[in-house]
Amino acid sequence: MNLEFFNTHSHAARLEIIWQHGTFLAHRGRRGYRIALYDLGNFFAEIWTNPYTDYVSMVRGYKSKKALEPYLAEINIESMMEW
């Protein structure tokens, strides 16, 4: 699975890919949304949900390390490292 392939899918199909193949990493909030971050191997994905209605407003994938900055305080990377 790569980001380009992920982005060719519909909103609903991207959700299915995340739920089947993603590893949950962290939650955060922004502008009234609950945002869940998932690791999909060689890229990350976010699911933006309205916490009052549970409506999924956006599903996006990215590789940008800059986009991970809001999660740095929430992610424990020790579990991702091999010792």
Protein backbone atom coordinates (compact mmCIF):
# COMPACT_ATOMS: atom_id res chain seq x y z
CA MET A 1 0.00 0.00 0.00
CA ASN A 2 1.32 3.43 -0.86
CA LEU A 3 -0.03 6.96 -0.49
CA GLU A 4 -0.74 7.43 -4.20
CA PHE A 5 -2.84 4.24 -4.31
CA PHE A 6 -4.65 5.24 -1.09
CA ASN A 7 -5.54 8.66 -2.53
CA THR A 8 -7.17 7.14 -5.64
CA HIS A 9 -9.90 5.62 -3.46
CA SER A 10 -13.20 7.13 -2.37
CA HIS A 11 -13.77 8.53 1.11
CA ALA A 12 -15.51 5.29 2.22
CA ALA A 13 -12.82 3.06 0.71
CA ARG A 14 -10.05 5.02 2.48
CA LEU A 15 -11.87 4.44 5.78
CA GLU A 16 -12.00 0.71 5.09
CA ILE A 17 -8.28 0.64 4.24
CA ILE A 18 -7.44 2.42 7.49
CA TRP A 19 -9.63 0.14 9.60
CA GLN A 20 -8.25 -3.02 7.96
CA HIS A 21 -4.57 -2.12 7.64
CA GLY A 22 -3.89 0.87 9.89
CA THR A 23 -2.40 0.97 13.36
CA PHE A 24 -3.91 3.58 15.64
CA LEU A 25 -1.33 5.99 17.06
CA ALA A 26 -3.04 8.97 18.72
CA HIS A 27 -6.02 11.32 18.99
CA ARG A 28 -6.10 15.08 18.97
CA GLY A 29 -8.69 17.81 18.69
CA ARG A 30 -8.88 20.77 16.33
CA ARG A 31 -11.64 23.22 15.40
CA GLY A 32 -14.30 21.05 17.02
CA TYR A 33 -13.16 17.81 15.37
CA ARG A 34 -11.75 14.64 16.89
CA ILE A 35 -8.82 13.54 14.74
CA ALA A 36 -7.39 10.03 14.86
CA LEU A 37 -3.92 9.30 13.48
CA TYR A 38 -3.06 5.92 11.95
CA ASP A 39 0.18 4.39 10.67
CA LEU A 40 -0.17 2.60 7.34
CA GLY A 41 3.43 1.55 6.86
CA ASN A 42 4.99 4.09 4.53
CA PHE A 43 2.50 6.90 5.20
CA PHE A 44 0.10 8.19 7.84
CA ALA A 45 -3.63 8.82 7.69
CA GLU A 46 -6.07 10.92 9.67
CA ILE A 47 -9.79 10.48 10.22
CA TRP A 48 -11.56 13.76 11.11
CA THR A 49 -14.81 13.12 12.99
CA ASN A 50 -17.44 15.44 14.46
CA PRO A 51 -17.60 14.23 18.10
CA TYR A 52 -21.27 15.22 18.47
CA THR A 53 -22.61 13.44 15.40
CA ASP A 54 -19.85 10.86 14.69
CA TYR A 55 -19.92 12.09 11.08
CA VAL A 56 -16.57 11.53 9.33
CA SER A 57 -15.79 14.79 7.57
CA MET A 58 -12.37 14.05 6.14
CA VAL A 59 -10.01 11.15 5.56
CA ARG A 60 -6.55 12.12 4.44
CA GLY A 61 -3.20 10.45 3.96
CA TYR A 62 0.21 12.11 4.04
CA LYS A 63 3.94 11.54 4.40
CA SER A 64 4.83 14.97 5.76
CA LYS A 65 6.70 14.83 9.05
CA LYS A 66 5.59 18.42 9.70
CA ALA A 67 1.96 17.22 9.83
CA LEU A 68 2.90 14.88 12.71
CA GLU A 69 3.99 17.72 14.99
CA PRO A 70 0.56 18.14 16.68
CA TYR A 71 0.83 14.51 17.86
CA LEU A 72 4.36 14.54 19.27
CA ALA A 73 3.24 14.86 22.88
CA GLU A 74 0.79 11.94 22.45
CA ILE A 75 2.84 9.32 20.57
CA ASN A 76 5.05 6.85 22.39
CA ILE A 77 7.64 5.87 19.78
CA GLU A 78 9.39 3.33 22.02
CA SER A 79 6.81 0.70 21.04
CA MET A 80 7.69 1.28 17.36
CA MET A 81 11.43 0.74 17.83
CA GLU A 82 13.24 -2.58 17.80
CA TRP A 83 15.69 -2.95 20.67
